[in-house]
PDB file of N, CA and C in Angstrom:
ATOM      1  N   MET A   1      14.298  21.030  32.822  1.00  0.00           N
ATOM      2  CA  MET A   1      15.585  20.512  33.101  1.00  0.00           C
ATOM      3  C   MET A   1      15.193  19.139  33.993  1.00  0.00           C
ATOM      4  N   LEU A   2      15.784  18.102  33.762  1.00  0.00           N
ATOM      5  CA  LEU A   2      15.392  16.931  34.670  1.00  0.00           C
ATOM      6  C   LEU A   2      16.991  16.423  35.190  1.00  0.00           C
ATOM      7  N   ASP A   3      16.803  16.107  36.583  1.00  0.00           N
ATOM      8  CA  ASP A   3      17.952  15.308  37.169  1.00  0.00           C
ATOM      9  C   ASP A   3      18.048  13.947  36.501  1.00  0.00           C
ATOM     10  N   VAL A   4      19.154  13.704  35.805  1.00  0.00           N
ATOM     11  CA  VAL A   4      19.432  12.381  35.085  1.00  0.00           C
ATOM     12  C   VAL A   4      19.101  11.119  35.829  1.00  0.00           C
ATOM     13  N   PHE A   5      19.577  11.023  37.234  1.00  0.00           N
ATOM     14  CA  PHE A   5      19.351   9.796  37.868  1.00  0.00           C
ATOM     15  C   PHE A   5      18.179   9.867  38.672  1.00  0.00           C
ATOM     16  N   THR A   6      17.571  10.890  39.262  1.00  0.00           N
ATOM     17  CA  THR A   6      16.299  10.765  40.124  1.00  0.00           C
ATOM     18  C   THR A   6      15.003  10.888  39.209  1.00  0.00           C
ATOM     19  N   LYS A   7      15.091  11.682  38.050  1.00  0.00           N
ATOM     20  CA  LYS A   7      14.315  12.039  37.079  1.00  0.00           C
ATOM     21  C   LYS A   7      13.273  13.239  37.862  1.00  0.00           C
ATOM     22  N   LEU A   8      13.774  13.815  38.546  1.00  0.00           N
ATOM     23  CA  LEU A   8      13.252  15.113  39.309  1.00  0.00           C
ATOM     24  C   LEU A   8      13.419  16.366  38.329  1.00  0.00           C
ATOM     25  N   TYR A   9      12.445  17.066  38.259  1.00  0.00           N
ATOM     26  CA  TYR A   9      12.526  18.115  37.335  1.00  0.00           C
ATOM     27  C   TYR A   9      12.948  19.230  38.132  1.00  0.00           C
ATOM     28  N   ILE A  10      13.946  20.163  37.732  1.00  0.00           N
ATOM     29  CA  ILE A  10      14.843  21.091  38.483  1.00  0.00           C
ATOM     30  C   ILE A  10      14.239  22.290  37.889  1.00  0.00           C
ATOM     31  N   ALA A  11      13.805  22.668  36.713  1.00  0.00           N
ATOM     32  CA  ALA A  11      13.303  23.839  36.205  1.00  0.00           C
ATOM     33  C   ALA A  11      12.344  23.483  35.126  1.00  0.00           C
ATOM     34  N   THR A  12      11.358  24.460  34.826  1.00  0.00           N
ATOM     35  CA  THR A  12      10.457  24.396  33.758  1.00  0.00           C
ATOM     36  C   THR A  12      10.177  25.909  33.374  1.00  0.00           C
ATOM     37  N   ASP A  13       9.304  25.905  32.365  1.00  0.00           N
ATOM     38  CA  ASP A  13       8.980  27.469  31.952  1.00  0.00           C
ATOM     39  C   ASP A  13       7.519  27.672  32.875  1.00  0.00           C
ATOM     40  N   SER A  14       6.922  28.774  32.459  1.00  0.00           N
ATOM     41  CA  SER A  14       5.760  29.237  33.280  1.00  0.00           C
ATOM     42  C   SER A  14       4.505  28.385  33.165  1.00  0.00           C
ATOM     43  N   ASN A  15       4.519  27.458  32.231  1.00  0.00           N
ATOM     44  CA  ASN A  15       3.413  26.563  32.187  1.00  0.00           C
ATOM     45  C   ASN A  15       3.308  25.493  33.260  1.00  0.00           C
ATOM     46  N   PRO A  16       2.138  25.198  33.417  1.00  0.00           N
ATOM     47  CA  PRO A  16       1.885  24.123  34.408  1.00  0.00           C
ATOM     48  C   PRO A  16       2.359  22.851  33.936  1.00  0.00           C
ATOM     49  N   VAL A  17       2.870  22.029  34.748  1.00  0.00           N
ATOM     50  CA  VAL A  17       3.271  20.691  34.249  1.00  0.00           C
ATOM     51  C   VAL A  17       2.369  19.513  34.392  1.00  0.00           C
ATOM     52  N   ASP A  18       1.963  18.864  33.467  1.00  0.00           N
ATOM     53  CA  ASP A  18       1.055  17.925  33.825  1.00  0.00           C
ATOM     54  C   ASP A  18       1.857  16.590  33.946  1.00  0.00           C
ATOM     55  N   SER A  19       1.219  15.590  34.535  1.00  0.00           N
ATOM     56  CA  SER A  19       1.857  14.241  34.872  1.00  0.00           C
ATOM     57  C   SER A  19       2.279  13.575  33.381  1.00  0.00           C
ATOM     58  N   ARG A  20       1.503  13.648  32.488  1.00  0.00           N
ATOM     59  CA  ARG A  20       1.682  12.890  31.320  1.00  0.00           C
ATOM     60  C   ARG A  20       3.008  13.494  30.469  1.00  0.00           C
ATOM     61  N   THR A  21       3.163  14.844  30.544  1.00  0.00           N
ATOM     62  CA  THR A  21       4.288  15.200  30.033  1.00  0.00           C
ATOM     63  C   THR A  21       5.611  15.156  30.739  1.00  0.00           C
ATOM     64  N   TYR A  22       5.420  15.298  32.037  1.00  0.00           N
ATOM     65  CA  TYR A  22       6.555  14.911  32.885  1.00  0.00           C
ATOM     66  C   TYR A  22       7.027  13.362  32.730  1.00  0.00           C
ATOM     67  N   GLU A  23       6.022  12.396  32.770  1.00  0.00           N
ATOM     68  CA  GLU A  23       6.376  10.985  32.455  1.00  0.00           C
ATOM     69  C   GLU A  23       7.005  10.833  31.185  1.00  0.00           C
ATOM     70  N   LEU A  24       6.538  11.513  30.048  1.00  0.00           N
ATOM     71  CA  LEU A  24       7.056  11.431  28.634  1.00  0.00           C
ATOM     72  C   LEU A  24       8.564  11.780  28.872  1.00  0.00           C
ATOM     73  N   CYS A  25       8.900  13.069  29.412  1.00  0.00           N
ATOM     74  CA  CYS A  25      10.348  13.603  29.691  1.00  0.00           C
ATOM     75  C   CYS A  25      11.026  12.646  30.398  1.00  0.00           C
ATOM     76  N   ALA A  26      10.774  12.013  31.505  1.00  0.00           N
ATOM     77  CA  ALA A  26      11.564  11.292  32.404  1.00  0.00           C
ATOM     78  C   ALA A  26      11.807   9.823  31.448  1.00  0.00           C
ATOM     79  N   ASP A  27      10.719   9.328  30.744  1.00  0.00           N
ATOM     80  CA  ASP A  27      10.883   8.143  29.923  1.00  0.00           C
ATOM     81  C   ASP A  27      11.779   8.370  28.819  1.00  0.00           C
ATOM     82  N   LEU A  28      11.968   9.594  28.329  1.00  0.00           N
ATOM     83  CA  LEU A  28      13.050   9.864  27.012  1.00  0.00           C
ATOM     84  C   LEU A  28      14.330   9.929  27.862  1.00  0.00           C
ATOM     85  N   VAL A  29      14.557  10.468  29.084  1.00  0.00           N
ATOM     86  CA  VAL A  29      15.686  10.296  29.722  1.00  0.00           C
ATOM     87  C   VAL A  29      16.380   8.816  29.777  1.00  0.00           C
ATOM     88  N   GLU A  30      15.410   8.004  30.435  1.00  0.00           N
ATOM     89  CA  GLU A  30      15.716   6.702  30.722  1.00  0.00           C
ATOM     90  C   GLU A  30      16.044   5.921  29.354  1.00  0.00           C
ATOM     91  N   LEU A  31      15.283   6.262  28.212  1.00  0.00           N
ATOM     92  CA  LEU A  31      15.459   5.532  27.033  1.00  0.00           C
ATOM     93  C   LEU A  31      16.883   6.081  26.269  1.00  0.00           C
ATOM     94  N   VAL A  32      17.402   7.338  26.604  1.00  0.00           N
ATOM     95  CA  VAL A  32      18.860   7.471  26.070  1.00  0.00           C
ATOM     96  C   VAL A  32      19.785   6.996  26.837  1.00  0.00           C
ATOM     97  N   ILE A  33      19.507   6.804  28.210  1.00  0.00           N
ATOM     98  CA  ILE A  33      20.399   5.821  28.892  1.00  0.00           C
ATOM     99  C   ILE A  33      20.394   4.398  28.650  1.00  0.00           C
ATOM    100  N   ASP A  34      19.320   4.015  28.318  1.00  0.00           N
ATOM    101  CA  ASP A  34      19.185   2.670  28.039  1.00  0.00           C
ATOM    102  C   ASP A  34      19.898   2.190  26.621  1.00  0.00           C
ATOM    103  N   VAL A  35      19.559   3.032  25.783  1.00  0.00           N
ATOM    104  CA  VAL A  35      20.222   2.758  24.348  1.00  0.00           C
ATOM    105  C   VAL A  35      21.746   2.933  24.535  1.00  0.00           C
ATOM    106  N   SER A  36      22.139   4.080  25.159  1.00  0.00           N
ATOM    107  CA  SER A  36      23.691   4.209  25.356  1.00  0.00           C
ATOM    108  C   SER A  36      24.247   2.992  26.054  1.00  0.00           C
ATOM    109  N   CYS A  37      23.707   2.271  26.983  1.00  0.00           N
ATOM    110  CA  CYS A  37      24.231   1.153  27.677  1.00  0.00           C
ATOM    111  C   CYS A  37      24.315  -0.082  26.708  1.00  0.00           C
ATOM    112  N   ILE A  38      23.424  -0.133  25.853  1.00  0.00           N
ATOM    113  CA  ILE A  38      23.554  -1.139  24.643  1.00  0.00           C
ATOM    114  C   ILE A  38      24.508  -0.841  23.800  1.00  0.00           C
ATOM    115  N   TYR A  39      24.492   0.362  23.037  1.00  0.00           N
ATOM    116  CA  TYR A  39      25.284   0.680  21.962  1.00  0.00           C
ATOM    117  C   TYR A  39      26.728   1.108  22.375  1.00  0.00           C
ATOM    118  N   GLY A  40      26.881   1.571  23.593  1.00  0.00           N
ATOM    119  CA  GLY A  40      28.281   2.227  23.989  1.00  0.00           C
ATOM    120  C   GLY A  40      28.181   3.030  24.855  1.00  0.00           C
ATOM    121  N   LEU A  41      29.299   2.805  25.783  1.00  0.00           N
ATOM    122  CA  LEU A  41      29.491   3.616  27.055  1.00  0.00           C
ATOM    123  C   LEU A  41      30.594   4.500  26.985  1.00  0.00           C
ATOM    124  N   SER A  42      30.697   5.583  27.488  1.00  0.00           N
ATOM    125  CA  SER A  42      31.645   6.448  27.623  1.00  0.00           C
ATOM    126  C   SER A  42      32.409   6.259  28.721  1.00  0.00           C
ATOM    127  N   GLU A  43      33.899   6.574  28.777  1.00  0.00           N
ATOM    128  CA  GLU A  43      34.469   6.281  30.135  1.00  0.00           C
ATOM    129  C   GLU A  43      34.996   7.617  30.693  1.00  0.00           C
ATOM    130  N   GLU A  44      34.865   7.922  31.973  1.00  0.00           N
ATOM    131  CA  GLU A  44      35.272   9.012  32.560  1.00  0.00           C
ATOM    132  C   GLU A  44      35.859   8.681  33.838  1.00  0.00           C
ATOM    133  N   ASP A  45      37.120   9.098  34.255  1.00  0.00           N
ATOM    134  CA  ASP A  45      37.818   8.797  35.429  1.00  0.00           C
ATOM    135  C   ASP A  45      37.741   7.324  35.719  1.00  0.00           C
ATOM    136  N   GLY A  46      38.000   6.541  34.704  1.00  0.00           N
ATOM    137  CA  GLY A  46      37.690   4.919  34.704  1.00  0.00           C
ATOM    138  C   GLY A  46      36.608   4.135  34.871  1.00  0.00           C
ATOM    139  N   ALA A  47      35.376   5.207  34.922  1.00  0.00           N
ATOM    140  CA  ALA A  47      34.060   4.431  35.103  1.00  0.00           C
ATOM    141  C   ALA A  47      33.300   4.649  33.820  1.00  0.00           C
ATOM    142  N   ALA A  48      32.589   3.643  33.583  1.00  0.00           N
ATOM    143  CA  ALA A  48      31.807   3.726  32.541  1.00  0.00           C
ATOM    144  C   ALA A  48      30.514   4.551  32.710  1.00  0.00           C
ATOM    145  N   ILE A  49      30.407   5.541  31.789  1.00  0.00           N
ATOM    146  CA  ILE A  49      29.014   6.447  32.097  1.00  0.00           C
ATOM    147  C   ILE A  49      28.066   6.290  30.733  1.00  0.00           C
ATOM    148  N   PRO A  50      26.797   6.200  31.035  1.00  0.00           N
ATOM    149  CA  PRO A  50      25.927   5.969  29.712  1.00  0.00           C
ATOM    150  C   PRO A  50      25.454   7.342  29.308  1.00  0.00           C
ATOM    151  N   TYR A  51      25.981   8.458  29.722  1.00  0.00           N
ATOM    152  CA  TYR A  51      25.387   9.605  29.363  1.00  0.00           C
ATOM    153  C   TYR A  51      26.440  10.749  29.335  1.00  0.00           C
ATOM    154  N   ASP A  52      26.573  11.322  28.189  1.00  0.00           N
ATOM    155  CA  ASP A  52      27.796  12.288  28.013  1.00  0.00           C
ATOM    156  C   ASP A  52      27.332  13.527  27.068  1.00  0.00           C
ATOM    157  N   SER A  53      28.318  14.337  26.844  1.00  0.00           N
ATOM    158  CA  SER A  53      27.997  15.693  26.195  1.00  0.00           C
ATOM    159  C   SER A  53      27.373  15.518  24.763  1.00  0.00           C
ATOM    160  N   GLN A  54      27.509  14.355  24.191  1.00  0.00           N
ATOM    161  CA  GLN A  54      26.952  14.179  22.962  1.00  0.00           C
ATOM    162  C   GLN A  54      25.638  13.492  23.023  1.00  0.00           C
ATOM    163  N   SER A  55      25.245  13.354  24.019  1.00  0.00           N
ATOM    164  CA  SER A  55      23.839  12.505  24.280  1.00  0.00           C
ATOM    165  C   SER A  55      22.522  13.323  23.860  1.00  0.00           C
ATOM    166  N   SER A  56      21.776  13.049  22.976  1.00  0.00           N
ATOM    167  CA  SER A  56      20.777  13.563  22.554  1.00  0.00           C
ATOM    168  C   SER A  56      19.625  12.755  21.975  1.00  0.00           C
ATOM    169  N   SER A  57      18.414  13.466  21.885  1.00  0.00           N
ATOM    170  CA  SER A  57      17.481  12.507  21.260  1.00  0.00           C
ATOM    171  C   SER A  57      16.362  13.432  20.695  1.00  0.00           C
ATOM    172  N   ALA A  58      15.607  13.180  19.675  1.00  0.00           N
ATOM    173  CA  ALA A  58      14.488  13.774  19.303  1.00  0.00           C
ATOM    174  C   ALA A  58      13.303  12.817  18.915  1.00  0.00           C
ATOM    175  N   ILE A  59      12.110  12.956  19.381  1.00  0.00           N
ATOM    176  CA  ILE A  59      11.009  12.175  19.161  1.00  0.00           C
ATOM    177  C   ILE A  59       9.817  12.931  18.536  1.00  0.00           C
ATOM    178  N   ARG A  60       9.348  12.659  17.534  1.00  0.00           N
ATOM    179  CA  ARG A  60       8.097  13.324  17.147  1.00  0.00           C
ATOM    180  C   ARG A  60       6.817  12.656  17.719  1.00  0.00           C
ATOM    181  N   LEU A  61       6.131  13.417  18.174  1.00  0.00           N
ATOM    182  CA  LEU A  61       4.809  12.770  18.736  1.00  0.00           C
ATOM    183  C   LEU A  61       3.605  13.111  17.617  1.00  0.00           C
ATOM    184  N   ASN A  62       2.693  12.249  17.983  1.00  0.00           N
ATOM    185  CA  ASN A  62       1.673  12.542  16.995  1.00  0.00           C
ATOM    186  C   ASN A  62       0.680  13.659  16.937  1.00  0.00           C
ATOM    187  N   ASN A  63       1.092  14.581  17.804  1.00  0.00           N
ATOM    188  CA  ASN A  63       0.137  15.825  17.954  1.00  0.00           C
ATOM    189  C   ASN A  63       1.033  16.926  17.528  1.00  0.00           C
ATOM    190  N   ASN A  64       1.804  16.836  16.665  1.00  0.00           N
ATOM    191  CA  ASN A  64       2.718  17.896  15.980  1.00  0.00           C
ATOM    192  C   ASN A  64       3.679  18.453  17.136  1.00  0.00           C
ATOM    193  N   MET A  65       4.134  17.600  18.010  1.00  0.00           N
ATOM    194  CA  MET A  65       4.868  18.171  19.110  1.00  0.00           C
ATOM    195  C   MET A  65       6.274  17.325  18.990  1.00  0.00           C
ATOM    196  N   VAL A  66       7.442  17.784  19.423  1.00  0.00           N
ATOM    197  CA  VAL A  66       8.478  16.950  19.410  1.00  0.00           C
ATOM    198  C   VAL A  66       9.223  17.153  20.873  1.00  0.00           C
ATOM    199  N   LEU A  67       9.590  15.822  21.365  1.00  0.00           N
ATOM    200  CA  LEU A  67      10.408  15.971  22.538  1.00  0.00           C
ATOM    201  C   LEU A  67      11.774  15.876  22.181  1.00  0.00           C
ATOM    202  N   TYR A  68      12.571  16.796  22.745  1.00  0.00           N
ATOM    203  CA  TYR A  68      13.877  17.083  22.388  1.00  0.00           C
ATOM    204  C   TYR A  68      14.907  16.941  23.628  1.00  0.00           C
ATOM    205  N   LEU A  69      15.820  16.103  23.562  1.00  0.00           N
ATOM    206  CA  LEU A  69      16.671  15.822  24.988  1.00  0.00           C
ATOM    207  C   LEU A  69      18.052  16.459  24.396  1.00  0.00           C
ATOM    208  N   ARG A  70      18.695  17.118  25.076  1.00  0.00           N
ATOM    209  CA  ARG A  70      20.058  17.339  25.080  1.00  0.00           C
ATOM    210  C   ARG A  70      20.757  17.304  26.523  1.00  0.00           C
ATOM    211  N   GLU A  71      21.988  16.789  26.656  1.00  0.00           N
ATOM    212  CA  GLU A  71      22.751  16.740  27.800  1.00  0.00           C
ATOM    213  C   GLU A  71      23.188  18.046  28.115  1.00  0.00           C
ATOM    214  N   VAL A  72      23.061  18.676  29.504  1.00  0.00           N
ATOM    215  CA  VAL A  72      23.658  19.745  29.865  1.00  0.00           C
ATOM    216  C   VAL A  72      24.718  19.727  30.784  1.00  0.00           C
ATOM    217  N   SER A  73      24.699  18.766  31.740  1.00  0.00           N
ATOM    218  CA  SER A  73      25.747  18.177  32.573  1.00  0.00           C
ATOM    219  C   SER A  73      25.843  16.767  32.473  1.00  0.00           C
ATOM    220  N   LYS A  74      26.619  15.949  33.236  1.00  0.00           N
ATOM    221  CA  LYS A  74      26.571  14.490  33.492  1.00  0.00           C
ATOM    222  C   LYS A  74      25.582  14.122  34.322  1.00  0.00           C
ATOM    223  N   TYR A  75      24.675  15.285  34.805  1.00  0.00           N
ATOM    224  CA  TYR A  75      23.704  15.018  35.862  1.00  0.00           C
ATOM    225  C   TYR A  75      22.427  15.696  35.445  1.00  0.00           C
ATOM    226  N   VAL A  76      22.299  16.488  34.418  1.00  0.00           N
ATOM    227  CA  VAL A  76      21.231  17.235  34.113  1.00  0.00           C
ATOM    228  C   VAL A  76      21.009  17.098  32.626  1.00  0.00           C
ATOM    229  N   ALA A  77      19.648  16.914  32.472  1.00  0.00           N
ATOM    230  CA  ALA A  77      19.327  16.929  30.801  1.00  0.00           C
ATOM    231  C   ALA A  77      18.255  17.948  30.652  1.00  0.00           C
ATOM    232  N   LEU A  78      18.325  18.613  29.419  1.00  0.00           N
ATOM    233  CA  LEU A  78      17.285  19.699  29.305  1.00  0.00           C
ATOM    234  C   LEU A  78      16.225  18.860  28.233  1.00  0.00           C
ATOM    235  N   VAL A  79      15.160  18.705  28.540  1.00  0.00           N
ATOM    236  CA  VAL A  79      14.092  18.323  27.686  1.00  0.00           C
ATOM    237  C   VAL A  79      13.264  18.994  27.288  1.00  0.00           C
ATOM    238  N   CYS A  80      12.991  19.363  25.990  1.00  0.00           N
ATOM    239  CA  CYS A  80      12.004  20.391  25.519  1.00  0.00           C
ATOM    240  C   CYS A  80      10.742  19.748  24.860  1.00  0.00           C
ATOM    241  N   VAL A  81       9.701  20.147  24.994  1.00  0.00           N
ATOM    242  CA  VAL A  81       8.353  19.734  24.612  1.00  0.00           C
ATOM    243  C   VAL A  81       7.980  21.134  23.536  1.00  0.00           C
ATOM    244  N   ILE A  82       8.342  20.855  22.295  1.00  0.00           N
ATOM    245  CA  ILE A  82       8.254  22.044  21.300  1.00  0.00           C
ATOM    246  C   ILE A  82       7.290  21.729  19.939  1.00  0.00           C
ATOM    247  N   ARG A  83       6.858  22.540  19.451  1.00  0.00           N
ATOM    248  CA  ARG A  83       6.115  22.377  18.135  1.00  0.00           C
ATOM    249  C   ARG A  83       6.971  22.014  17.158  1.00  0.00           C
ATOM    250  N   GLU A  84       6.387  20.942  16.201  1.00  0.00           N
ATOM    251  CA  GLU A  84       7.393  20.821  15.193  1.00  0.00           C
ATOM    252  C   GLU A  84       7.902  21.837  14.252  1.00  0.00           C
ATOM    253  N   GLU A  85       7.255  23.009  13.801  1.00  0.00           N
ATOM    254  CA  GLU A  85       7.772  24.007  13.327  1.00  0.00           C
ATOM    255  C   GLU A  85       8.876  24.728  13.808  1.00  0.00           C
ATOM    256  N   TYR A  86       8.894  24.515  15.199  1.00  0.00           N
ATOM    257  CA  TYR A  86       9.975  25.479  15.851  1.00  0.00           C
ATOM    258  C   TYR A  86      11.249  24.487  15.752  1.00  0.00           C
ATOM    259  N   PHE A  87      10.847  23.104  15.940  1.00  0.00           N
ATOM    260  CA  PHE A  87      12.087  22.112  15.935  1.00  0.00           C
ATOM    261  C   PHE A  87      12.880  22.214  14.375  1.00  0.00           C
ATOM    262  N   ALA A  88      12.041  22.609  13.463  1.00  0.00           N
ATOM    263  CA  ALA A  88      12.875  22.817  12.192  1.00  0.00           C
ATOM    264  C   ALA A  88      13.876  23.582  12.235  1.00  0.00           C
ATOM    265  N   LYS A  89      13.868  24.651  13.252  1.00  0.00           N
ATOM    266  CA  LYS A  89      14.966  25.529  13.257  1.00  0.00           C
ATOM    267  C   LYS A  89      16.050  25.051  14.371  1.00  0.00           C
ATOM    268  N   ARG A  90      16.380  23.830  14.427  1.00  0.00           N
ATOM    269  CA  ARG A  90      17.091  23.034  15.310  1.00  0.00           C
ATOM    270  C   ARG A  90      18.524  23.660  15.631  1.00  0.00           C
ATOM    271  N   ALA A  91      19.064  24.346  14.667  1.00  0.00           N
ATOM    272  CA  ALA A  91      20.425  25.056  14.788  1.00  0.00           C
ATOM    273  C   ALA A  91      20.324  25.916  15.554  1.00  0.00           C
ATOM    274  N   ILE A  92      19.459  26.805  15.641  1.00  0.00           N
ATOM    275  CA  ILE A  92      19.111  27.851  16.522  1.00  0.00           C
ATOM    276  C   ILE A  92      19.032  27.180  18.017  1.00  0.00           C
ATOM    277  N   LEU A  93      18.077  26.378  18.118  1.00  0.00           N
ATOM    278  CA  LEU A  93      17.775  25.678  19.455  1.00  0.00           C
ATOM    279  C   LEU A  93      19.086  25.135  20.072  1.00  0.00           C
ATOM    280  N   ASP A  94      19.715  24.272  19.035  1.00  0.00           N
ATOM    281  CA  ASP A  94      21.306  23.939  19.612  1.00  0.00           C
ATOM    282  C   ASP A  94      22.145  24.908  20.092  1.00  0.00           C
ATOM    283  N   PHE A  95      22.232  26.152  19.304  1.00  0.00           N
ATOM    284  CA  PHE A  95      23.084  27.096  19.724  1.00  0.00           C
ATOM    285  C   PHE A  95      22.792  27.654  21.011  1.00  0.00           C
ATOM    286  N   ASN A  96      21.403  27.772  21.480  1.00  0.00           N
ATOM    287  CA  ASN A  96      20.891  28.485  22.537  1.00  0.00           C
ATOM    288  C   ASN A  96      21.285  27.336  23.773  1.00  0.00           C
ATOM    289  N   ILE A  97      21.104  26.133  23.538  1.00  0.00           N
ATOM    290  CA  ILE A  97      21.334  25.127  24.438  1.00  0.00           C
ATOM    291  C   ILE A  97      22.753  25.182  24.819  1.00  0.00           C
ATOM    292  N   ASN A  98      23.791  25.308  23.629  1.00  0.00           N
ATOM    293  CA  ASN A  98      25.317  25.425  24.203  1.00  0.00           C
ATOM    294  C   ASN A  98      25.558  26.560  24.885  1.00  0.00           C
ATOM    295  N   CYS A  99      24.929  27.790  24.638  1.00  0.00           N
ATOM    296  CA  CYS A  99      25.144  29.125  25.363  1.00  0.00           C
ATOM    297  C   CYS A  99      24.684  28.849  26.865  1.00  0.00           C
ATOM    298  N   PHE A 100      23.574  28.108  26.939  1.00  0.00           N
ATOM    299  CA  PHE A 100      23.242  27.779  28.508  1.00  0.00           C
ATOM    300  C   PHE A 100      24.239  26.964  29.046  1.00  0.00           C
ATOM    301  N   ARG A 101      24.618  26.073  28.397  1.00  0.00           N
ATOM    302  CA  ARG A 101      25.565  25.053  29.025  1.00  0.00           C
ATOM    303  C   ARG A 101      26.781  25.830  29.496  1.00  0.00           C
ATOM    304  N   LYS A 102      27.353  26.616  28.464  1.00  0.00           N
ATOM    305  CA  LYS A 102      28.506  27.236  28.995  1.00  0.00           C
ATOM    306  C   LYS A 102      28.446  28.236  30.097  1.00  0.00           C
ATOM    307  N   SER A 103      27.061  28.857  30.091  1.00  0.00           N
ATOM    308  CA  SER A 103      26.743  29.825  31.367  1.00  0.00           C
ATOM    309  C   SER A 103      26.680  28.953  32.600  1.00  0.00           C
ATOM    310  N   LEU A 104      26.104  27.653  32.590  1.00  0.00           N
ATOM    311  CA  LEU A 104      25.936  27.119  33.582  1.00  0.00           C
ATOM    312  C   LEU A 104      27.290  26.569  34.128  1.00  0.00           C
ATOM    313  N   ASP A 105      28.013  26.280  33.208  1.00  0.00           N
ATOM    314  CA  ASP A 105      29.409  25.839  33.507  1.00  0.00           C
ATOM    315  C   ASP A 105      30.187  27.005  34.364  1.00  0.00           C
ATOM    316  N   LEU A 106      30.059  27.957  33.847  1.00  0.00           N
ATOM    317  CA  LEU A 106      30.762  29.257  34.578  1.00  0.00           C
ATOM    318  C   LEU A 106      30.139  29.539  35.926  1.00  0.00           C
ATOM    319  N   VAL A 107      28.922  29.474  35.882  1.00  0.00           N
ATOM    320  CA  VAL A 107      28.188  29.636  37.282  1.00  0.00           C
ATOM    321  C   VAL A 107      28.980  28.505  38.311  1.00  0.00           C
ATOM    322  N   ILE A 108      28.874  27.360  38.057  1.00  0.00           N
ATOM    323  CA  ILE A 108      29.433  26.106  38.752  1.00  0.00           C
ATOM    324  C   ILE A 108      30.843  26.451  39.064  1.00  0.00           C
ATOM    325  N   ARG A 109      31.675  26.885  38.114  1.00  0.00           N
ATOM    326  CA  ARG A 109      33.063  27.019  38.423  1.00  0.00           C
ATOM    327  C   ARG A 109      33.252  28.234  39.466  1.00  0.00           C
ATOM    328  N   GLN A 110      32.321  29.371  39.280  1.00  0.00           N
ATOM    329  CA  GLN A 110      32.658  30.500  40.212  1.00  0.00           C
ATOM    330  C   GLN A 110      31.950  30.140  41.429  1.00  0.00           C
ATOM    331  N   SER A 111      31.053  29.317  41.627  1.00  0.00           N
ATOM    332  CA  SER A 111      30.472  28.911  43.112  1.00  0.00           C
ATOM    333  C   SER A 111      31.240  28.052  43.820  1.00  0.00           C
ATOM    334  N   GLY A 112      32.160  27.292  43.213  1.00  0.00           N
ATOM    335  CA  GLY A 112      33.079  26.178  43.708  1.00  0.00           C
ATOM    336  C   GLY A 112      33.981  26.988  44.802  1.00  0.00           C
ATOM    337  N   PRO A 113      34.723  26.063  45.549  1.00  0.00           N
ATOM    338  CA  PRO A 113      35.541  26.732  46.391  1.00  0.00           C
ATOM    339  C   PRO A 113      36.988  27.315  45.761  1.00  0.00           C
ATOM    340  N   GLN A 114      37.331  28.507  46.190  1.00  0.00           N
ATOM    341  CA  GLN A 114      38.238  29.283  45.528  1.00  0.00           C
ATOM    342  C   GLN A 114      38.019  29.376  44.006  1.00  0.00           C
ATOM    343  N   GLY A 115      36.786  29.678  43.696  1.00  0.00           N
ATOM    344  CA  GLY A 115      36.429  29.607  42.113  1.00  0.00           C
ATOM    345  C   GLY A 115      37.087  28.288  41.318  1.00  0.00           C
ATOM    346  N   GLN A 116      37.300  27.216  41.804  1.00  0.00           N
ATOM    347  CA  GLN A 116      37.754  26.151  41.141  1.00  0.00           C
ATOM    348  C   GLN A 116      36.619  25.370  40.589  1.00  0.00           C
ATOM    349  N   ALA A 117      36.703  24.597  39.722  1.00  0.00           N
ATOM    350  CA  ALA A 117      35.601  23.659  39.075  1.00  0.00           C
ATOM    351  C   ALA A 117      35.175  22.814  40.250  1.00  0.00           C
ATOM    352  N   ASN A 118      33.912  22.729  40.220  1.00  0.00           N
ATOM    353  CA  ASN A 118      33.130  21.764  41.192  1.00  0.00           C
ATOM    354  C   ASN A 118      32.012  21.029  40.479  1.00  0.00           C
ATOM    355  N   GLY A 119      32.354  19.928  39.729  1.00  0.00           N
ATOM    356  CA  GLY A 119      31.328  19.119  39.009  1.00  0.00           C
ATOM    357  C   GLY A 119      30.954  20.053  37.820  1.00  0.00           C
ATOM    358  N   SER A 120      31.816  20.399  36.934  1.00  0.00           N
ATOM    359  CA  SER A 120      31.621  21.559  35.884  1.00  0.00           C
ATOM    360  C   SER A 120      31.029  20.564  34.691  1.00  0.00           C
ATOM    361  N   VAL A 121      30.331  21.426  33.869  1.00  0.00           N
ATOM    362  CA  VAL A 121      29.460  20.737  32.914  1.00  0.00           C
ATOM    363  C   VAL A 121      30.309  19.980  31.970  1.00  0.00           C
ATOM    364  N   SER A 122      29.892  18.851  31.487  1.00  0.00           N
ATOM    365  CA  SER A 122      30.988  18.070  30.772  1.00  0.00           C
ATOM    366  C   SER A 122      30.746  18.586  29.194  1.00  0.00           C
ATOM    367  N   GLY A 123      31.913  18.696  28.574  1.00  0.00           N
ATOM    368  CA  GLY A 123      31.830  18.826  27.329  1.00  0.00           C
ATOM    369  C   GLY A 123      31.293  20.303  26.661  1.00  0.00           C
ATOM    370  N   SER A 124      31.744  20.610  25.547  1.00  0.00           N
ATOM    371  CA  SER A 124      31.243  21.979  25.042  1.00  0.00           C
ATOM    372  C   SER A 124      31.406  21.955  23.647  1.00  0.00           C
ATOM    373  N   SER A 125      30.282  22.468  23.017  1.00  0.00           N
ATOM    374  CA  SER A 125      30.151  22.132  21.657  1.00  0.00           C
ATOM    375  C   SER A 125      30.395  23.700  20.864  1.00  0.00           C
TER     376      SER A 125
END
């Protein structure tokens, strides 16, 4: 997971992160934001935002891997580097990401003051 604005990675799996993979993931977040700025911005609380709950991207690399980005919150993107054969089961991947998004939203809501939403996850699918 990457912070959308600073491109810091927040979480990763147990594999070591190499700089090339990190740069690809950070570049993908930038690409999604740049394309969204060109082709359409969402509005939230009167402010234009280039990144929303429908933001996603999939890029096939030449080494049989796929970079897949999905929005988790308006500040966090999940970027997966997975093999092409696993990406073929995209519906299962999207289902798991949506479950993660809902769980993250629940944690944020319960950790806020008096259990109120505090920067809750945008959108739900």
